[in-house]
N, C-alpha and C. Protein backbone atom coordinates (compact mmCIF):
# COMPACT_ATOMS: atom_id res chain seq x y z
N UNK A 1 82.32 -34.78 -0.82
CA UNK A 1 80.89 -34.53 -0.86
C UNK A 1 80.36 -34.17 0.53
N UNK A 2 80.68 -35.02 1.51
CA UNK A 2 80.24 -34.76 2.88
C UNK A 2 80.87 -33.47 3.42
N UNK A 3 82.14 -33.27 3.08
CA UNK A 3 82.83 -32.06 3.53
C UNK A 3 82.18 -30.80 2.99
N UNK A 4 81.78 -30.86 1.73
CA UNK A 4 81.13 -29.69 1.13
C UNK A 4 79.78 -29.42 1.79
N UNK A 5 79.05 -30.48 2.11
CA UNK A 5 77.77 -30.32 2.78
C UNK A 5 77.95 -29.71 4.17
N UNK A 6 78.94 -30.20 4.91
CA UNK A 6 79.22 -29.64 6.24
C UNK A 6 79.61 -28.17 6.15
N UNK A 7 80.45 -27.84 5.18
CA UNK A 7 80.86 -26.44 5.01
C UNK A 7 79.67 -25.57 4.66
N UNK A 8 78.78 -26.08 3.82
CA UNK A 8 77.59 -25.32 3.46
C UNK A 8 76.70 -25.08 4.68
N UNK A 9 76.53 -26.09 5.51
CA UNK A 9 75.72 -25.94 6.72
C UNK A 9 76.35 -24.95 7.70
N UNK A 10 77.65 -25.03 7.86
CA UNK A 10 78.34 -24.09 8.76
C UNK A 10 78.21 -22.66 8.24
N UNK A 11 78.40 -22.48 6.94
CA UNK A 11 78.28 -21.14 6.36
C UNK A 11 76.87 -20.60 6.49
N UNK A 12 75.88 -21.47 6.32
CA UNK A 12 74.49 -21.05 6.50
C UNK A 12 74.23 -20.60 7.92
N UNK A 13 74.79 -21.34 8.88
CA UNK A 13 74.60 -20.97 10.28
C UNK A 13 75.31 -19.64 10.58
N UNK A 14 76.46 -19.43 9.97
CA UNK A 14 77.17 -18.16 10.16
C UNK A 14 76.31 -17.00 9.65
N UNK A 15 75.65 -17.20 8.52
CA UNK A 15 74.78 -16.14 8.00
C UNK A 15 73.60 -15.87 8.94
N UNK A 16 73.02 -16.92 9.49
CA UNK A 16 71.91 -16.75 10.43
C UNK A 16 72.40 -16.04 11.69
N UNK A 17 73.57 -16.42 12.17
CA UNK A 17 74.14 -15.77 13.35
C UNK A 17 74.46 -14.29 13.07
N UNK A 18 74.93 -14.01 11.86
CA UNK A 18 75.20 -12.62 11.48
C UNK A 18 73.89 -11.82 11.45
N UNK A 19 72.84 -12.42 10.92
CA UNK A 19 71.53 -11.74 10.91
C UNK A 19 71.08 -11.46 12.34
N UNK A 20 71.29 -12.40 13.24
CA UNK A 20 70.91 -12.20 14.65
C UNK A 20 71.70 -11.05 15.24
N UNK A 21 72.98 -10.97 14.91
CA UNK A 21 73.82 -9.88 15.44
C UNK A 21 73.33 -8.53 14.92
N UNK A 22 72.97 -8.46 13.65
CA UNK A 22 72.47 -7.22 13.07
C UNK A 22 71.14 -6.84 13.71
N UNK A 23 70.26 -7.81 13.91
CA UNK A 23 68.95 -7.54 14.51
C UNK A 23 69.08 -6.99 15.93
N UNK A 24 70.17 -7.32 16.61
CA UNK A 24 70.33 -6.84 17.99
C UNK A 24 70.51 -5.32 18.05
N UNK A 25 70.87 -4.71 16.92
CA UNK A 25 71.02 -3.25 16.88
C UNK A 25 69.68 -2.53 16.72
N UNK A 26 68.62 -3.28 16.47
CA UNK A 26 67.30 -2.72 16.26
C UNK A 26 66.34 -3.24 17.33
N UNK A 27 66.28 -2.58 18.48
CA UNK A 27 65.47 -3.09 19.59
C UNK A 27 63.97 -3.07 19.33
N UNK A 28 63.52 -2.29 18.35
CA UNK A 28 62.09 -2.19 18.08
C UNK A 28 61.57 -3.24 17.11
N UNK A 29 62.42 -4.18 16.71
CA UNK A 29 62.00 -5.24 15.79
C UNK A 29 61.01 -6.14 16.51
N UNK A 30 59.91 -6.44 15.84
CA UNK A 30 58.90 -7.32 16.42
C UNK A 30 59.43 -8.75 16.46
N UNK A 31 59.69 -9.25 17.64
CA UNK A 31 60.27 -10.58 17.79
C UNK A 31 59.27 -11.70 17.53
N UNK A 32 58.01 -11.33 17.29
CA UNK A 32 57.01 -12.35 16.98
C UNK A 32 56.89 -12.59 15.48
N UNK A 33 57.59 -11.78 14.68
CA UNK A 33 57.59 -12.03 13.24
C UNK A 33 58.25 -13.39 12.98
N UNK A 34 57.71 -14.17 12.06
CA UNK A 34 58.22 -15.54 11.87
C UNK A 34 59.71 -15.63 11.57
N UNK A 35 60.25 -14.76 10.72
CA UNK A 35 61.67 -14.86 10.38
C UNK A 35 62.54 -14.49 11.57
N UNK A 36 62.14 -13.48 12.32
CA UNK A 36 62.90 -13.06 13.50
C UNK A 36 62.85 -14.15 14.56
N UNK A 37 61.69 -14.74 14.75
CA UNK A 37 61.54 -15.83 15.72
C UNK A 37 62.38 -17.03 15.31
N UNK A 38 62.40 -17.36 14.01
CA UNK A 38 63.21 -18.47 13.51
C UNK A 38 64.69 -18.22 13.77
N UNK A 39 65.16 -17.02 13.46
CA UNK A 39 66.57 -16.68 13.69
C UNK A 39 66.91 -16.83 15.16
N UNK A 40 66.04 -16.33 16.03
CA UNK A 40 66.28 -16.43 17.48
C UNK A 40 66.26 -17.89 17.93
N UNK A 41 65.28 -18.65 17.47
CA UNK A 41 65.14 -20.05 17.89
C UNK A 41 66.31 -20.91 17.43
N UNK A 42 66.90 -20.59 16.30
CA UNK A 42 68.01 -21.38 15.77
C UNK A 42 69.33 -21.03 16.46
N UNK A 43 69.49 -19.78 16.84
CA UNK A 43 70.78 -19.36 17.41
C UNK A 43 70.84 -19.41 18.93
N UNK A 44 69.73 -19.25 19.59
CA UNK A 44 69.75 -19.15 21.06
C UNK A 44 70.28 -20.41 21.75
N UNK A 45 69.98 -21.63 21.28
CA UNK A 45 70.54 -22.81 21.96
C UNK A 45 72.07 -22.85 21.95
N UNK A 46 72.69 -22.22 20.99
CA UNK A 46 74.15 -22.18 20.93
C UNK A 46 74.69 -21.00 21.74
N UNK A 47 74.01 -19.86 21.65
CA UNK A 47 74.51 -18.65 22.31
C UNK A 47 74.29 -18.66 23.82
N UNK A 48 73.17 -19.21 24.27
CA UNK A 48 72.82 -19.12 25.69
C UNK A 48 73.86 -19.75 26.62
N UNK A 49 74.34 -20.98 26.36
CA UNK A 49 75.34 -21.55 27.28
C UNK A 49 76.64 -20.73 27.32
N UNK A 50 77.02 -20.18 26.19
CA UNK A 50 78.24 -19.36 26.16
C UNK A 50 78.02 -18.06 26.91
N UNK A 51 76.84 -17.46 26.71
CA UNK A 51 76.51 -16.21 27.39
C UNK A 51 76.49 -16.42 28.91
N UNK A 52 75.99 -17.59 29.35
CA UNK A 52 75.94 -17.87 30.79
C UNK A 52 77.33 -18.01 31.38
N UNK A 53 78.28 -18.55 30.62
CA UNK A 53 79.64 -18.72 31.12
C UNK A 53 80.45 -17.43 31.05
N UNK A 54 80.33 -16.72 29.93
CA UNK A 54 81.13 -15.51 29.72
C UNK A 54 80.47 -14.30 30.35
N UNK A 55 79.15 -14.24 30.25
CA UNK A 55 78.42 -13.09 30.77
C UNK A 55 78.45 -11.93 29.78
N UNK A 56 77.75 -10.90 30.13
CA UNK A 56 77.71 -9.69 29.32
C UNK A 56 78.62 -8.68 30.00
N UNK A 57 79.58 -8.17 29.26
CA UNK A 57 80.56 -7.24 29.81
C UNK A 57 80.23 -5.82 29.37
N UNK A 58 79.91 -4.95 30.30
CA UNK A 58 79.58 -3.55 30.01
C UNK A 58 78.50 -3.42 28.94
N UNK A 59 77.52 -4.30 29.00
CA UNK A 59 76.42 -4.25 28.06
C UNK A 59 76.71 -4.88 26.71
N UNK A 60 77.87 -5.49 26.55
CA UNK A 60 78.25 -6.11 25.28
C UNK A 60 78.24 -7.63 25.45
N UNK A 61 77.50 -8.29 24.56
CA UNK A 61 77.40 -9.74 24.58
C UNK A 61 78.46 -10.31 23.63
N UNK A 62 79.44 -10.98 24.18
CA UNK A 62 80.53 -11.52 23.38
C UNK A 62 80.25 -12.94 22.86
N UNK A 63 79.12 -13.52 23.22
CA UNK A 63 78.85 -14.89 22.81
C UNK A 63 78.80 -15.06 21.29
N UNK A 64 78.22 -14.14 20.51
CA UNK A 64 78.25 -14.34 19.06
C UNK A 64 79.68 -14.34 18.49
N UNK A 65 80.55 -13.52 19.05
CA UNK A 65 81.93 -13.48 18.57
C UNK A 65 82.62 -14.81 18.84
N UNK A 66 82.39 -15.36 20.02
CA UNK A 66 82.99 -16.65 20.37
C UNK A 66 82.46 -17.75 19.45
N UNK A 67 81.17 -17.72 19.15
CA UNK A 67 80.59 -18.72 18.24
C UNK A 67 81.14 -18.53 16.83
N UNK A 68 81.27 -17.29 16.36
CA UNK A 68 81.87 -17.04 15.04
C UNK A 68 83.26 -17.65 14.96
N UNK A 69 84.08 -17.40 15.97
CA UNK A 69 85.44 -17.95 15.98
C UNK A 69 85.40 -19.46 15.97
N UNK A 70 84.54 -20.06 16.80
CA UNK A 70 84.41 -21.51 16.84
C UNK A 70 83.97 -22.10 15.51
N UNK A 71 83.05 -21.43 14.84
CA UNK A 71 82.58 -21.93 13.55
C UNK A 71 83.67 -21.83 12.49
N UNK A 72 84.45 -20.76 12.51
CA UNK A 72 85.53 -20.64 11.54
C UNK A 72 86.61 -21.69 11.79
N UNK A 73 86.89 -21.98 13.05
CA UNK A 73 87.84 -23.06 13.37
C UNK A 73 87.29 -24.39 12.88
N UNK A 74 86.00 -24.62 13.12
CA UNK A 74 85.36 -25.85 12.65
C UNK A 74 85.43 -25.95 11.13
N UNK A 75 85.24 -24.85 10.44
CA UNK A 75 85.35 -24.85 8.97
C UNK A 75 86.76 -25.24 8.53
N UNK A 76 87.78 -24.73 9.20
CA UNK A 76 89.15 -25.08 8.84
C UNK A 76 89.41 -26.57 9.07
N UNK A 77 88.88 -27.11 10.16
CA UNK A 77 89.04 -28.53 10.44
C UNK A 77 88.37 -29.37 9.38
N UNK A 78 87.14 -29.00 9.02
CA UNK A 78 86.40 -29.75 7.99
C UNK A 78 87.16 -29.70 6.66
N UNK A 79 87.70 -28.54 6.32
CA UNK A 79 88.44 -28.42 5.05
C UNK A 79 89.68 -29.31 5.03
N UNK A 80 90.33 -29.45 6.15
CA UNK A 80 91.54 -30.28 6.21
C UNK A 80 91.21 -31.77 6.23
N UNK A 81 90.13 -32.13 6.90
CA UNK A 81 89.77 -33.56 7.02
C UNK A 81 89.16 -34.08 5.73
N UNK A 82 88.31 -33.28 5.11
CA UNK A 82 87.62 -33.75 3.90
C UNK A 82 88.31 -33.13 2.71
């Protein structure tokens, strides 16, 4: 039961992170719109520390990719433990 809840939360966060990645391709999106602001507010606390350590390479931000990999590893761990 707890394992399923954790997996659901991780998958939900992956979807939010994916939405953030897609929104980055549209620079004219109004960032004051409530849904866009929510997506940014939920993902930035996780992405910012990674971005500060890795940096942006040739204009490409690799922090979402690193978080995606980390979340998938976390999902595998949760599946094995629960």
